[in-house]
Amino acid sequence: MFNARASATNFELSTLEKAIDYAKLRGVKTHLTLNTLIKNNEFEQALDLANKAYSYGIDAIIVQDLGLARYLIKNFPRLSSTC
């Protein structure tokens, strides 16, 4: 959904969940890259994606948008945070 490269493809949500599970079984940390600037009308979609990844057990979310970063830090305490 949030991809700065026009020709790149992303995981479907079901594949993302399987990839996180696969990594967790092997002791590997997982990071979601959500590092595009989020438009106001995209904010809810970005939060929905972050929430799903968080519920799947993602360890960190890499962001560029400061508003999204602030929201994630406040509302997703289990995520690794480095500023």
PDB file of N, CA and C in Angstrom:
ATOM      1  N   MET A   1       0.805  -1.207   0.000  1.00  0.00           N
ATOM      2  CA  MET A   1       0.000   0.000   0.000  1.00  0.00           C
ATOM      3  C   MET A   1       0.845   1.267   0.000  1.00  0.00           C
ATOM      4  N   PHE A   2       1.920   1.250   0.753  1.00  0.00           N
ATOM      5  CA  PHE A   2       2.743   2.446   0.896  1.00  0.00           C
ATOM      6  C   PHE A   2       4.141   2.135   0.372  1.00  0.00           C
ATOM      7  N   ASN A   3       4.319   2.373  -0.908  1.00  0.00           N
ATOM      8  CA  ASN A   3       5.542   1.990  -1.573  1.00  0.00           C
ATOM      9  C   ASN A   3       6.026   3.140  -2.425  1.00  0.00           C
ATOM     10  N   ALA A   4       7.244   3.589  -2.185  1.00  0.00           N
ATOM     11  CA  ALA A   4       7.794   4.709  -2.941  1.00  0.00           C
ATOM     12  C   ALA A   4       8.339   4.295  -4.299  1.00  0.00           C
ATOM     13  N   ARG A   5       8.458   2.998  -4.530  1.00  0.00           N
ATOM     14  CA  ARG A   5       8.973   2.503  -5.817  1.00  0.00           C
ATOM     15  C   ARG A   5       7.807   1.955  -6.636  1.00  0.00           C
ATOM     16  N   ALA A   6       7.563   2.542  -7.752  1.00  0.00           N
ATOM     17  CA  ALA A   6       6.400   2.198  -8.570  1.00  0.00           C
ATOM     18  C   ALA A   6       6.396   0.741  -9.029  1.00  0.00           C
ATOM     19  N   SER A   7       7.547   0.167  -9.293  1.00  0.00           N
ATOM     20  CA  SER A   7       7.577  -1.189  -9.845  1.00  0.00           C
ATOM     21  C   SER A   7       7.751  -2.272  -8.782  1.00  0.00           C
ATOM     22  N   ALA A   8       7.925  -1.893  -7.534  1.00  0.00           N
ATOM     23  CA  ALA A   8       8.135  -2.890  -6.466  1.00  0.00           C
ATOM     24  C   ALA A   8       6.798  -3.491  -6.035  1.00  0.00           C
ATOM     25  N   THR A   9       6.886  -4.707  -5.531  1.00  0.00           N
ATOM     26  CA  THR A   9       5.688  -5.356  -5.004  1.00  0.00           C
ATOM     27  C   THR A   9       5.851  -5.565  -3.505  1.00  0.00           C
ATOM     28  N   ASN A  10       4.736  -5.675  -2.799  1.00  0.00           N
ATOM     29  CA  ASN A  10       4.731  -5.851  -1.354  1.00  0.00           C
ATOM     30  C   ASN A  10       4.060  -7.155  -0.980  1.00  0.00           C
ATOM     31  N   PHE A  11       4.259  -7.566   0.266  1.00  0.00           N
ATOM     32  CA  PHE A  11       3.559  -8.720   0.797  1.00  0.00           C
ATOM     33  C   PHE A  11       2.067  -8.458   0.884  1.00  0.00           C
ATOM     34  N   GLU A  12       1.269  -9.476   0.626  1.00  0.00           N
ATOM     35  CA  GLU A  12      -0.134  -9.433   1.018  1.00  0.00           C
ATOM     36  C   GLU A  12      -0.143  -9.588   2.538  1.00  0.00           C
ATOM     37  N   LEU A  13      -1.198  -9.157   3.213  1.00  0.00           N
ATOM     38  CA  LEU A  13      -1.223  -9.252   4.672  1.00  0.00           C
ATOM     39  C   LEU A  13      -1.087 -10.687   5.167  1.00  0.00           C
ATOM     40  N   SER A  14      -1.712 -11.644   4.480  1.00  0.00           N
ATOM     41  CA  SER A  14      -1.597 -13.040   4.908  1.00  0.00           C
ATOM     42  C   SER A  14      -0.163 -13.545   4.760  1.00  0.00           C
ATOM     43  N   THR A  15       0.532 -13.089   3.724  1.00  0.00           N
ATOM     44  CA  THR A  15       1.926 -13.473   3.523  1.00  0.00           C
ATOM     45  C   THR A  15       2.809 -12.799   4.563  1.00  0.00           C
ATOM     46  N   LEU A  16       2.503 -11.559   4.909  1.00  0.00           N
ATOM     47  CA  LEU A  16       3.250 -10.852   5.944  1.00  0.00           C
ATOM     48  C   LEU A  16       3.152 -11.605   7.262  1.00  0.00           C
ATOM     49  N   GLU A  17       1.965 -12.040   7.606  1.00  0.00           N
ATOM     50  CA  GLU A  17       1.774 -12.784   8.851  1.00  0.00           C
ATOM     51  C   GLU A  17       2.594 -14.081   8.839  1.00  0.00           C
ATOM     52  N   LYS A  18       2.574 -14.797   7.731  1.00  0.00           N
ATOM     53  CA  LYS A  18       3.348 -16.040   7.616  1.00  0.00           C
ATOM     54  C   LYS A  18       4.845 -15.769   7.700  1.00  0.00           C
ATOM     55  N   ALA A  19       5.303 -14.691   7.081  1.00  0.00           N
ATOM     56  CA  ALA A  19       6.729 -14.342   7.117  1.00  0.00           C
ATOM     57  C   ALA A  19       7.171 -14.005   8.539  1.00  0.00           C
ATOM     58  N   ILE A  20       6.347 -13.285   9.267  1.00  0.00           N
ATOM     59  CA  ILE A  20       6.667 -12.957  10.662  1.00  0.00           C
ATOM     60  C   ILE A  20       6.713 -14.230  11.496  1.00  0.00           C
ATOM     61  N   ASP A  21       5.729 -15.097  11.334  1.00  0.00           N
ATOM     62  CA  ASP A  21       5.720 -16.375  12.058  1.00  0.00           C
ATOM     63  C   ASP A  21       6.969 -17.193  11.742  1.00  0.00           C
ATOM     64  N   TYR A  22       7.332 -17.264  10.474  1.00  0.00           N
ATOM     65  CA  TYR A  22       8.508 -18.011  10.026  1.00  0.00           C
ATOM     66  C   TYR A  22       9.769 -17.468  10.707  1.00  0.00           C
ATOM     67  N   ALA A  23       9.907 -16.141  10.710  1.00  0.00           N
ATOM     68  CA  ALA A  23      11.082 -15.513  11.325  1.00  0.00           C
ATOM     69  C   ALA A  23      11.100 -15.761  12.831  1.00  0.00           C
ATOM     70  N   LYS A  24       9.957 -15.639  13.476  1.00  0.00           N
ATOM     71  CA  LYS A  24       9.877 -15.829  14.928  1.00  0.00           C
ATOM     72  C   LYS A  24      10.276 -17.240  15.328  1.00  0.00           C
ATOM     73  N   LEU A  25       9.865 -18.231  14.543  1.00  0.00           N
ATOM     74  CA  LEU A  25      10.230 -19.616  14.836  1.00  0.00           C
ATOM     75  C   LEU A  25      11.740 -19.822  14.802  1.00  0.00           C
ATOM     76  N   ARG A  26      12.433 -18.967  14.085  1.00  0.00           N
ATOM     77  CA  ARG A  26      13.877 -19.085  13.928  1.00  0.00           C
ATOM     78  C   ARG A  26      14.642 -18.045  14.748  1.00  0.00           C
ATOM     79  N   GLY A  27      13.934 -17.327  15.610  1.00  0.00           N
ATOM     80  CA  GLY A  27      14.577 -16.344  16.477  1.00  0.00           C
ATOM     81  C   GLY A  27      15.052 -15.091  15.772  1.00  0.00           C
ATOM     82  N   VAL A  28      14.436 -14.755  14.650  1.00  0.00           N
ATOM     83  CA  VAL A  28      14.845 -13.592  13.859  1.00  0.00           C
ATOM     84  C   VAL A  28      13.865 -12.448  14.100  1.00  0.00           C
ATOM     85  N   LYS A  29      14.395 -11.260  14.362  1.00  0.00           N
ATOM     86  CA  LYS A  29      13.537 -10.080  14.547  1.00  0.00           C
ATOM     87  C   LYS A  29      12.990  -9.626  13.201  1.00  0.00           C
ATOM     88  N   THR A  30      11.818  -9.032  13.244  1.00  0.00           N
ATOM     89  CA  THR A  30      11.155  -8.575  12.024  1.00  0.00           C
ATOM     90  C   THR A  30      10.916  -7.073  12.082  1.00  0.00           C
ATOM     91  N   HIS A  31      11.058  -6.429  10.924  1.00  0.00           N
ATOM     92  CA  HIS A  31      10.865  -4.984  10.805  1.00  0.00           C
ATOM     93  C   HIS A  31       9.998  -4.712   9.580  1.00  0.00           C
ATOM     94  N   LEU A  32       9.038  -3.838   9.742  1.00  0.00           N
ATOM     95  CA  LEU A  32       8.198  -3.407   8.631  1.00  0.00           C
ATOM     96  C   LEU A  32       8.676  -2.029   8.198  1.00  0.00           C
ATOM     97  N   THR A  33       8.947  -1.874   6.930  1.00  0.00           N
ATOM     98  CA  THR A  33       9.334  -0.563   6.403  1.00  0.00           C
ATOM     99  C   THR A  33       8.092   0.146   5.902  1.00  0.00           C
ATOM    100  N   LEU A  34       7.747   1.208   6.581  1.00  0.00           N
ATOM    101  CA  LEU A  34       6.585   2.029   6.230  1.00  0.00           C
ATOM    102  C   LEU A  34       7.100   3.465   6.162  1.00  0.00           C
ATOM    103  N   ASN A  35       8.110   3.669   5.300  1.00  0.00           N
ATOM    104  CA  ASN A  35       8.865   4.922   5.357  1.00  0.00           C
ATOM    105  C   ASN A  35       8.582   5.894   4.222  1.00  0.00           C
ATOM    106  N   THR A  36       7.342   5.963   3.803  1.00  0.00           N
ATOM    107  CA  THR A  36       6.953   7.030   2.880  1.00  0.00           C
ATOM    108  C   THR A  36       6.234   8.106   3.687  1.00  0.00           C
ATOM    109  N   LEU A  37       6.166   9.302   3.135  1.00  0.00           N
ATOM    110  CA  LEU A  37       5.377  10.341   3.787  1.00  0.00           C
ATOM    111  C   LEU A  37       3.901   9.996   3.610  1.00  0.00           C
ATOM    112  N   ILE A  38       3.161  10.055   4.689  1.00  0.00           N
ATOM    113  CA  ILE A  38       1.752   9.661   4.695  1.00  0.00           C
ATOM    114  C   ILE A  38       0.891  10.905   4.496  1.00  0.00           C
ATOM    115  N   LYS A  39       0.022  10.867   3.511  1.00  0.00           N
ATOM    116  CA  LYS A  39      -0.931  11.955   3.293  1.00  0.00           C
ATOM    117  C   LYS A  39      -2.032  11.850   4.345  1.00  0.00           C
ATOM    118  N   ASN A  40      -2.688  12.970   4.629  1.00  0.00           N
ATOM    119  CA  ASN A  40      -3.754  12.970   5.637  1.00  0.00           C
ATOM    120  C   ASN A  40      -4.809  11.898   5.369  1.00  0.00           C
ATOM    121  N   ASN A  41      -5.190  11.732   4.098  1.00  0.00           N
ATOM    122  CA  ASN A  41      -6.237  10.753   3.781  1.00  0.00           C
ATOM    123  C   ASN A  41      -5.724   9.315   3.796  1.00  0.00           C
ATOM    124  N   GLU A  42      -4.428   9.107   3.990  1.00  0.00           N
ATOM    125  CA  GLU A  42      -3.848   7.765   4.068  1.00  0.00           C
ATOM    126  C   GLU A  42      -3.529   7.335   5.501  1.00  0.00           C
ATOM    127  N   PHE A  43      -3.658   8.261   6.450  1.00  0.00           N
ATOM    128  CA  PHE A  43      -3.220   8.000   7.815  1.00  0.00           C
ATOM    129  C   PHE A  43      -3.928   6.789   8.424  1.00  0.00           C
ATOM    130  N   GLU A  44      -5.225   6.693   8.255  1.00  0.00           N
ATOM    131  CA  GLU A  44      -5.976   5.568   8.822  1.00  0.00           C
ATOM    132  C   GLU A  44      -5.529   4.242   8.216  1.00  0.00           C
ATOM    133  N   GLN A  45      -5.259   4.220   6.913  1.00  0.00           N
ATOM    134  CA  GLN A  45      -4.762   3.001   6.259  1.00  0.00           C
ATOM    135  C   GLN A  45      -3.395   2.613   6.807  1.00  0.00           C
ATOM    136  N   ALA A  46      -2.535   3.598   7.012  1.00  0.00           N
ATOM    137  CA  ALA A  46      -1.205   3.323   7.565  1.00  0.00           C
ATOM    138  C   ALA A  46      -1.326   2.769   8.979  1.00  0.00           C
ATOM    139  N   LEU A  47      -2.225   3.336   9.776  1.00  0.00           N
ATOM    140  CA  LEU A  47      -2.447   2.829  11.131  1.00  0.00           C
ATOM    141  C   LEU A  47      -2.995   1.414  11.110  1.00  0.00           C
ATOM    142  N   ASP A  48      -3.890   1.143  10.175  1.00  0.00           N
ATOM    143  CA  ASP A  48      -4.454  -0.201  10.055  1.00  0.00           C
ATOM    144  C   ASP A  48      -3.354  -1.212   9.731  1.00  0.00           C
ATOM    145  N   LEU A  49      -2.477  -0.875   8.793  1.00  0.00           N
ATOM    146  CA  LEU A  49      -1.366  -1.751   8.442  1.00  0.00           C
ATOM    147  C   LEU A  49      -0.435  -1.944   9.638  1.00  0.00           C
ATOM    148  N   ALA A  50      -0.099  -0.862  10.329  1.00  0.00           N
ATOM    149  CA  ALA A  50       0.772  -0.951  11.506  1.00  0.00           C
ATOM    150  C   ALA A  50       0.122  -1.803  12.591  1.00  0.00           C
ATOM    151  N   ASN A  51      -1.159  -1.618  12.806  1.00  0.00           N
ATOM    152  CA  ASN A  51      -1.877  -2.381  13.824  1.00  0.00           C
ATOM    153  C   ASN A  51      -1.879  -3.876  13.502  1.00  0.00           C
ATOM    154  N   LYS A  52      -2.106  -4.210  12.246  1.00  0.00           N
ATOM    155  CA  LYS A  52      -2.090  -5.619  11.852  1.00  0.00           C
ATOM    156  C   LYS A  52      -0.693  -6.216  12.029  1.00  0.00           C
ATOM    157  N   ALA A  53       0.323  -5.495  11.580  1.00  0.00           N
ATOM    158  CA  ALA A  53       1.693  -5.987  11.739  1.00  0.00           C
ATOM    159  C   ALA A  53       2.033  -6.149  13.220  1.00  0.00           C
ATOM    160  N   TYR A  54       1.594  -5.217  14.046  1.00  0.00           N
ATOM    161  CA  TYR A  54       1.816  -5.275  15.491  1.00  0.00           C
ATOM    162  C   TYR A  54       1.128  -6.504  16.075  1.00  0.00           C
ATOM    163  N   SER A  55      -0.102  -6.763  15.649  1.00  0.00           N
ATOM    164  CA  SER A  55      -0.827  -7.931  16.156  1.00  0.00           C
ATOM    165  C   SER A  55      -0.190  -9.236  15.674  1.00  0.00           C
ATOM    166  N   TYR A  56       0.503  -9.202  14.538  1.00  0.00           N
ATOM    167  CA  TYR A  56       1.201 -10.379  14.025  1.00  0.00           C
ATOM    168  C   TYR A  56       2.526 -10.612  14.760  1.00  0.00           C
ATOM    169  N   GLY A  57       2.995  -9.607  15.510  1.00  0.00           N
ATOM    170  CA  GLY A  57       4.224  -9.770  16.281  1.00  0.00           C
ATOM    171  C   GLY A  57       5.451  -9.078  15.720  1.00  0.00           C
ATOM    172  N   ILE A  58       5.258  -8.103  14.835  1.00  0.00           N
ATOM    173  CA  ILE A  58       6.400  -7.374  14.267  1.00  0.00           C
ATOM    174  C   ILE A  58       7.204  -6.728  15.400  1.00  0.00           C
ATOM    175  N   ASP A  59       8.514  -6.688  15.264  1.00  0.00           N
ATOM    176  CA  ASP A  59       9.360  -6.120  16.313  1.00  0.00           C
ATOM    177  C   ASP A  59       9.558  -4.612  16.182  1.00  0.00           C
ATOM    178  N   ALA A  60       9.568  -4.108  14.966  1.00  0.00           N
ATOM    179  CA  ALA A  60       9.811  -2.679  14.756  1.00  0.00           C
ATOM    180  C   ALA A  60       9.165  -2.248  13.447  1.00  0.00           C
ATOM    181  N   ILE A  61       8.836  -0.967  13.386  1.00  0.00           N
ATOM    182  CA  ILE A  61       8.304  -0.377  12.156  1.00  0.00           C
ATOM    183  C   ILE A  61       9.172   0.837  11.842  1.00  0.00           C
ATOM    184  N   ILE A  62       9.762   0.835  10.657  1.00  0.00           N
ATOM    185  CA  ILE A  62      10.624   1.923  10.219  1.00  0.00           C
ATOM    186  C   ILE A  62       9.746   2.952   9.509  1.00  0.00           C
ATOM    187  N   VAL A  63       9.758   4.190   9.995  1.00  0.00           N
ATOM    188  CA  VAL A  63       8.903   5.228   9.417  1.00  0.00           C
ATOM    189  C   VAL A  63       9.699   6.491   9.115  1.00  0.00           C
ATOM    190  N   GLN A  64       9.163   7.269   8.196  1.00  0.00           N
ATOM    191  CA  GLN A  64       9.720   8.579   7.872  1.00  0.00           C
ATOM    192  C   GLN A  64       8.795   9.682   8.384  1.00  0.00           C
ATOM    193  N   ASP A  65       7.511   9.423   8.370  1.00  0.00           N
ATOM    194  CA  ASP A  65       6.517  10.416   8.731  1.00  0.00           C
ATOM    195  C   ASP A  65       6.510  10.644  10.246  1.00  0.00           C
ATOM    196  N   LEU A  66       6.819  11.855  10.681  1.00  0.00           N
ATOM    197  CA  LEU A  66       6.928  12.139  12.116  1.00  0.00           C
ATOM    198  C   LEU A  66       5.603  11.990  12.859  1.00  0.00           C
ATOM    199  N   GLY A  67       4.504  12.341  12.218  1.00  0.00           N
ATOM    200  CA  GLY A  67       3.196  12.172  12.854  1.00  0.00           C
ATOM    201  C   GLY A  67       2.892  10.704  13.097  1.00  0.00           C
ATOM    202  N   LEU A  68       3.182   9.870  12.123  1.00  0.00           N
ATOM    203  CA  LEU A  68       2.980   8.432  12.276  1.00  0.00           C
ATOM    204  C   LEU A  68       3.931   7.878  13.333  1.00  0.00           C
ATOM    205  N   ALA A  69       5.180   8.322  13.328  1.00  0.00           N
ATOM    206  CA  ALA A  69       6.153   7.865  14.331  1.00  0.00           C
ATOM    207  C   ALA A  69       5.673   8.198  15.738  1.00  0.00           C
ATOM    208  N   ARG A  70       5.204   9.404  15.924  1.00  0.00           N
ATOM    209  CA  ARG A  70       4.711   9.822  17.249  1.00  0.00           C
ATOM    210  C   ARG A  70       3.543   8.955  17.690  1.00  0.00           C
ATOM    211  N   TYR A  71       2.611   8.695  16.789  1.00  0.00           N
ATOM    212  CA  TYR A  71       1.454   7.866  17.120  1.00  0.00           C
ATOM    213  C   TYR A  71       1.901   6.444  17.492  1.00  0.00           C
ATOM    214  N   LEU A  72       2.802   5.874  16.710  1.00  0.00           N
ATOM    215  CA  LEU A  72       3.257   4.501  16.968  1.00  0.00           C
ATOM    216  C   LEU A  72       3.983   4.390  18.303  1.00  0.00           C
ATOM    217  N   ILE A  73       4.842   5.355  18.610  1.00  0.00           N
ATOM    218  CA  ILE A  73       5.564   5.334  19.878  1.00  0.00           C
ATOM    219  C   ILE A  73       4.598   5.387  21.053  1.00  0.00           C
ATOM    220  N   LYS A  74       3.573   6.211  20.929  1.00  0.00           N
ATOM    221  CA  LYS A  74       2.599   6.379  22.018  1.00  0.00           C
ATOM    222  C   LYS A  74       1.685   5.156  22.150  1.00  0.00           C
ATOM    223  N   ASN A  75       1.288   4.540  21.049  1.00  0.00           N
ATOM    224  CA  ASN A  75       0.240   3.530  21.088  1.00  0.00           C
ATOM    225  C   ASN A  75       0.689   2.081  20.905  1.00  0.00           C
ATOM    226  N   PHE A  76       1.944   1.878  20.546  1.00  0.00           N
ATOM    227  CA  PHE A  76       2.450   0.517  20.328  1.00  0.00           C
ATOM    228  C   PHE A  76       3.720   0.338  21.169  1.00  0.00           C
ATOM    229  N   PRO A  77       3.565   0.196  22.471  1.00  0.00           N
ATOM    230  CA  PRO A  77       4.730   0.207  23.371  1.00  0.00           C
ATOM    231  C   PRO A  77       5.701  -0.956  23.182  1.00  0.00           C
ATOM    232  N   ARG A  78       5.255  -2.053  22.630  1.00  0.00           N
ATOM    233  CA  ARG A  78       6.117  -3.221  22.478  1.00  0.00           C
ATOM    234  C   ARG A  78       7.097  -3.078  21.307  1.00  0.00           C
ATOM    235  N   LEU A  79       6.858  -2.127  20.420  1.00  0.00           N
ATOM    236  CA  LEU A  79       7.766  -1.940  19.276  1.00  0.00           C
ATOM    237  C   LEU A  79       9.106  -1.404  19.760  1.00  0.00           C
ATOM    238  N   SER A  80      10.171  -1.840  19.101  1.00  0.00           N
ATOM    239  CA  SER A  80      11.488  -1.263  19.363  1.00  0.00           C
ATOM    240  C   SER A  80      11.448   0.175  18.896  1.00  0.00           C
ATOM    241  N   SER A  81      12.046   1.076  19.647  1.00  0.00           N
ATOM    242  CA  SER A  81      12.041   2.457  19.177  1.00  0.00           C
ATOM    243  C   SER A  81      13.440   3.029  19.254  1.00  0.00           C
ATOM    244  N   THR A  82      13.855   3.592  18.129  1.00  0.00           N
ATOM    245  CA  THR A  82      15.111   4.318  18.033  1.00  0.00           C
ATOM    246  C   THR A  82      14.826   5.556  17.201  1.00  0.00           C
ATOM    247  N   CYS A  83      15.182   6.681  17.710  1.00  0.00           N
ATOM    248  CA  CYS A  83      14.935   7.931  16.978  1.00  0.00           C
ATOM    249  C   CYS A  83      16.220   8.470  16.425  1.00  0.00           C
TER     250      CYS A  83
END
